[in-house]
Amino acid sequence: MPNISQHDAKIIRLATYASVTTAAALIAMKFFGWWVTHSISLQASLIDSLLDAFASFINMVAVYHALKPADKEHRYGHGKAESLAGLGQAIFIGASSIWLLYEAVERFMTPEPVEATGTGLLIMGIAIIVTFFLISFQNYVVKRTGSTAIAADMIHYRSDILINTAVIISLSTAQFFHAEILDSIFGIFIGIYIFWCAGTIMIQAFNVLMDRELDEEERKIILAVIKSHPKVIEVRDLRTRTSGLQQFFQLNLIMDPKLSLHEADLIAAKVEEEVMKAFPKSQVMIRLVPEEPPILPPKKKSKI
């Protein structure tokens, strides 16, 4: 059974704490900015940050459960708590983006002036800098641990960079060109983008919950590692799935029937070791199968 190092578990938890803290700070700043500017695009960014805060909090709870070791009732661990959280986030984010689209269309039909754009621009600039530092840390955590929860959370904050940039453009056009209608247009595009992000998260979470196979390229790597052992004749019925930070592989090893059980077991152990080198957080379950002798055609009876 693969174990998650204490360092990996620590930085994953730290990433969830950093995400929740950042979201809370962004909400406070953007709420003040929306209150003084009445900008629909800034309101859209505020709603996005509220969704980020909700998603980050759910992730923090999910990661707490996902990092628990396997127990009697959960022999495969608690990794799918991450995907359940991701599915809940996607539903909530998708519904909120629809409401945002409705608000943006309403503002497009009845435009309102945008005020105190200088304050709004300053707030959005600070928001971009803060979000950039968070994403950099999340990217480090994902590369080191492969956490699906942190990867999903990072999608939210990457979208924040784009959304905040759109808000800056919207506020700038309102300040310098008095084109308030662009504010609602940017609000509509941001709503569409948030809805697309929700769909992406939902698909990823659904694939894990439905035990979808790993990508074909990863399967090829697994098969190549296994077949590299000279005593392995063939690999059959390779099955793969992901649960949180862990991957589970099941396969049948076709072996020479003349090998002793002890020899075959040593070969299987070596194969498992090599696979886990390539996929450090994997659990490999191997069934040893003797090679079947070729079926010869029945001999014809000679006529006397």
Foldseek 3Di string as FASTA:
>chain_A
DFADDPVLLVLQLVLLVLQLVLLVVLLVLLVVLCVAWVFLLSVLLNVLSVLLNVLSVQLNVLSVQQNDQADPVRNPGSQLSLLVSLQVSLVVLLVVLVVLLVVLVVCLVPPDATPPLVSNLVSLVVSLVSLVVSLVSLVVSCVVQVFPNSVLSSLSSVLSNVSSVQCNVQSVCCVPVVPRSSSSVSSNVSSVVSNVSSVVSNVVSVCQVVFPFDDPVVVVVLLVLLPVDPFFPHKPDWGWHDGGREIEIEIETEGAPVDDPVVVVVSVVVSQVSSCVVVVRYDYHYHYDYDDDDDDDDDDDDDD
